[in-house]
């Protein structure tokens, strides 16, 4: 028996998720996370920084679709870079929060800048 969830069974929720497009799935999975929670991915070299100038979902889609030409252009323009030690040092001190989405095996992140 499936537990009811606001009138929709868990089975229906699972079926609805299966009908999501890849973009919709990335949009649904996009979430806020601290660097502390991302450290294990950073340590494995799996954390990719995305410039604030790019929609992170567009980058996720290009990576998923293996759009080598577009990804290379972003790398050349330094809009997509692998996170490195200097970034990590700054993030630890500033307790940086990110928007993040996973495109296995990578975790794409964008810093959240609080306007003060």
C-alpha atoms as a PDB file:
ATOM      1  CA  UNK A   1       0.000   0.000   0.000  1.00  0.00           C
ATOM      2  CA  UNK A   2       1.316   3.444  -0.911  1.00  0.00           C
ATOM      3  CA  UNK A   3       1.087   6.290   1.533  1.00  0.00           C
ATOM      4  CA  UNK A   4      -1.107   9.124   0.287  1.00  0.00           C
ATOM      5  CA  UNK A   5       0.604  12.473  -0.238  1.00  0.00           C
ATOM      6  CA  UNK A   6      -1.811  15.387  -0.733  1.00  0.00           C
ATOM      7  CA  UNK A   7      -4.200  13.160  -2.646  1.00  0.00           C
ATOM      8  CA  UNK A   8      -1.498  11.726  -4.903  1.00  0.00           C
ATOM      9  CA  UNK A   9       0.019   8.322  -4.205  1.00  0.00           C
ATOM     10  CA  UNK A  10       3.772   7.802  -4.040  1.00  0.00           C
ATOM     11  CA  UNK A  11       3.441   5.607  -7.128  1.00  0.00           C
ATOM     12  CA  UNK A  12       1.930   8.532  -9.049  1.00  0.00           C
ATOM     13  CA  UNK A  13       4.715  10.808  -7.837  1.00  0.00           C
ATOM     14  CA  UNK A  14       7.318   8.327  -9.070  1.00  0.00           C
ATOM     15  CA  UNK A  15       5.543   7.996 -12.410  1.00  0.00           C
ATOM     16  CA  UNK A  16       5.357  11.794 -12.760  1.00  0.00           C
ATOM     17  CA  UNK A  17       9.095  12.074 -12.095  1.00  0.00           C
ATOM     18  CA  UNK A  18       9.752   9.542 -14.833  1.00  0.00           C
ATOM     19  CA  UNK A  19       7.909  11.845 -17.259  1.00  0.00           C
ATOM     20  CA  UNK A  20      10.129  14.831 -16.506  1.00  0.00           C
ATOM     21  CA  UNK A  21      12.464  16.060 -19.213  1.00  0.00           C
ATOM     22  CA  UNK A  22      16.144  16.171 -18.355  1.00  0.00           C
ATOM     23  CA  UNK A  23      15.944  19.965 -17.991  1.00  0.00           C
ATOM     24  CA  UNK A  24      12.953  19.665 -15.656  1.00  0.00           C
ATOM     25  CA  UNK A  25      14.782  17.060 -13.575  1.00  0.00           C
ATOM     26  CA  UNK A  26      17.828  19.348 -13.246  1.00  0.00           C
ATOM     27  CA  UNK A  27      15.558  22.276 -12.315  1.00  0.00           C
ATOM     28  CA  UNK A  28      13.861  20.142  -9.672  1.00  0.00           C
ATOM     29  CA  UNK A  29      17.172  18.893  -8.263  1.00  0.00           C
ATOM     30  CA  UNK A  30      18.818  22.342  -8.158  1.00  0.00           C
ATOM     31  CA  UNK A  31      19.279  23.311  -4.542  1.00  0.00           C
ATOM     32  CA  UNK A  32      21.157  25.416  -2.048  1.00  0.00           C
ATOM     33  CA  UNK A  33      24.081  23.830  -0.213  1.00  0.00           C
ATOM     34  CA  UNK A  34      27.051  24.950   1.879  1.00  0.00           C
ATOM     35  CA  UNK A  35      30.680  24.388   0.992  1.00  0.00           C
ATOM     36  CA  UNK A  36      30.982  22.283   4.143  1.00  0.00           C
ATOM     37  CA  UNK A  37      28.474  19.841   2.626  1.00  0.00           C
ATOM     38  CA  UNK A  38      30.333  19.902  -0.717  1.00  0.00           C
ATOM     39  CA  UNK A  39      33.831  19.272   0.648  1.00  0.00           C
ATOM     40  CA  UNK A  40      33.841  15.552  -0.159  1.00  0.00           C
ATOM     41  CA  UNK A  41      33.074  16.339  -3.819  1.00  0.00           C
ATOM     42  CA  UNK A  42      35.742  19.041  -3.860  1.00  0.00           C
ATOM     43  CA  UNK A  43      38.284  16.608  -2.395  1.00  0.00           C
ATOM     44  CA  UNK A  44      37.531  14.137  -5.199  1.00  0.00           C
ATOM     45  CA  UNK A  45      37.971  16.850  -7.860  1.00  0.00           C
ATOM     46  CA  UNK A  46      34.324  16.600  -8.880  1.00  0.00           C
ATOM     47  CA  UNK A  47      33.223  20.175  -8.142  1.00  0.00           C
ATOM     48  CA  UNK A  48      32.819  22.503 -11.134  1.00  0.00           C
ATOM     49  CA  UNK A  49      32.278  26.242 -10.687  1.00  0.00           C
ATOM     50  CA  UNK A  50      29.869  27.972 -13.048  1.00  0.00           C
ATOM     51  CA  UNK A  51      30.063  31.728 -13.628  1.00  0.00           C
ATOM     52  CA  UNK A  52      27.202  33.871 -12.366  1.00  0.00           C
ATOM     53  CA  UNK A  53      26.832  35.011 -15.982  1.00  0.00           C
ATOM     54  CA  UNK A  54      25.635  31.560 -17.084  1.00  0.00           C
ATOM     55  CA  UNK A  55      22.394  29.804 -16.215  1.00  0.00           C
ATOM     56  CA  UNK A  56      23.582  26.746 -14.295  1.00  0.00           C
ATOM     57  CA  UNK A  57      20.819  24.608 -15.825  1.00  0.00           C
ATOM     58  CA  UNK A  58      22.079  25.463 -19.334  1.00  0.00           C
ATOM     59  CA  UNK A  59      25.553  24.310 -18.312  1.00  0.00           C
ATOM     60  CA  UNK A  60      24.097  21.126 -16.827  1.00  0.00           C
ATOM     61  CA  UNK A  61      22.239  20.442 -20.073  1.00  0.00           C
ATOM     62  CA  UNK A  62      25.347  21.016 -22.206  1.00  0.00           C
ATOM     63  CA  UNK A  63      27.355  18.692 -19.986  1.00  0.00           C
ATOM     64  CA  UNK A  64      24.607  16.064 -20.047  1.00  0.00           C
ATOM     65  CA  UNK A  65      24.317  16.345 -23.851  1.00  0.00           C
ATOM     66  CA  UNK A  66      28.112  16.159 -24.230  1.00  0.00           C
ATOM     67  CA  UNK A  67      28.179  19.487 -26.092  1.00  0.00           C
ATOM     68  CA  UNK A  68      31.981  19.584 -26.219  1.00  0.00           C
ATOM     69  CA  UNK A  69      32.173  22.735 -28.341  1.00  0.00           C
ATOM     70  CA  UNK A  70      29.995  24.806 -25.978  1.00  0.00           C
ATOM     71  CA  UNK A  71      31.686  23.472 -22.850  1.00  0.00           C
ATOM     72  CA  UNK A  72      35.135  24.174 -24.298  1.00  0.00           C
ATOM     73  CA  UNK A  73      34.075  27.749 -25.114  1.00  0.00           C
ATOM     74  CA  UNK A  74      32.973  28.282 -21.517  1.00  0.00           C
ATOM     75  CA  UNK A  75      36.237  26.788 -20.253  1.00  0.00           C
ATOM     76  CA  UNK A  76      38.243  29.024 -22.598  1.00  0.00           C
ATOM     77  CA  UNK A  77      36.251  32.040 -21.353  1.00  0.00           C
ATOM     78  CA  UNK A  78      36.853  30.901 -17.732  1.00  0.00           C
ATOM     79  CA  UNK A  79      33.105  30.733 -17.139  1.00  0.00           C
ATOM     80  CA  UNK A  80      33.298  27.047 -16.205  1.00  0.00           C
ATOM     81  CA  UNK A  81      36.288  25.971 -14.096  1.00  0.00           C
ATOM     82  CA  UNK A  82      37.185  23.115 -11.804  1.00  0.00           C
ATOM     83  CA  UNK A  83      37.225  24.305  -8.203  1.00  0.00           C
ATOM     84  CA  UNK A  84      40.740  24.534  -6.763  1.00  0.00           C
ATOM     85  CA  UNK A  85      42.424  24.987  -3.387  1.00  0.00           C
ATOM     86  CA  UNK A  86      42.376  28.804  -3.437  1.00  0.00           C
ATOM     87  CA  UNK A  87      38.621  28.731  -3.968  1.00  0.00           C
ATOM     88  CA  UNK A  88      38.204  26.283  -1.091  1.00  0.00           C
ATOM     89  CA  UNK A  89      40.243  28.413   1.321  1.00  0.00           C
ATOM     90  CA  UNK A  90      38.053  31.420   0.575  1.00  0.00           C
ATOM     91  CA  UNK A  91      34.828  29.403   0.840  1.00  0.00           C
ATOM     92  CA  UNK A  92      35.770  27.991   4.242  1.00  0.00           C
ATOM     93  CA  UNK A  93      36.483  31.458   5.637  1.00  0.00           C
ATOM     94  CA  UNK A  94      33.402  33.091   4.107  1.00  0.00           C
ATOM     95  CA  UNK A  95      31.071  30.121   4.727  1.00  0.00           C
ATOM     96  CA  UNK A  96      29.928  30.312   1.137  1.00  0.00           C
ATOM     97  CA  UNK A  97      26.567  28.931   0.069  1.00  0.00           C
ATOM     98  CA  UNK A  98      25.956  27.617  -3.433  1.00  0.00           C
ATOM     99  CA  UNK A  99      23.258  26.645  -5.830  1.00  0.00           C
ATOM    100  CA  UNK A 100      24.208  23.174  -7.007  1.00  0.00           C
ATOM    101  CA  UNK A 101      23.066  20.464  -9.369  1.00  0.00           C
ATOM    102  CA  UNK A 102      24.597  17.072 -10.094  1.00  0.00           C
ATOM    103  CA  UNK A 103      25.472  15.889 -13.582  1.00  0.00           C
ATOM    104  CA  UNK A 104      27.191  12.666 -12.607  1.00  0.00           C
ATOM    105  CA  UNK A 105      29.984  12.443 -11.796  1.00  0.00           C
ATOM    106  CA  UNK A 106      30.215  16.251 -11.561  1.00  0.00           C
ATOM    107  CA  UNK A 107      28.629  18.669  -9.120  1.00  0.00           C
ATOM    108  CA  UNK A 108      28.033  22.054 -10.745  1.00  0.00           C
ATOM    109  CA  UNK A 109      27.988  24.996  -8.330  1.00  0.00           C
ATOM    110  CA  UNK A 110      27.350  28.737  -8.424  1.00  0.00           C
ATOM    111  CA  UNK A 111      28.115  30.981  -5.490  1.00  0.00           C
ATOM    112  CA  UNK A 112      25.150  32.689  -3.882  1.00  0.00           C
ATOM    113  CA  UNK A 113      25.967  36.340  -3.341  1.00  0.00           C
ATOM    114  CA  UNK A 114      23.947  37.930  -0.570  1.00  0.00           C
ATOM    115  CA  UNK A 115      23.172  41.541  -1.332  1.00  0.00           C
ATOM    116  CA  UNK A 116      23.794  43.512   1.841  1.00  0.00           C
END
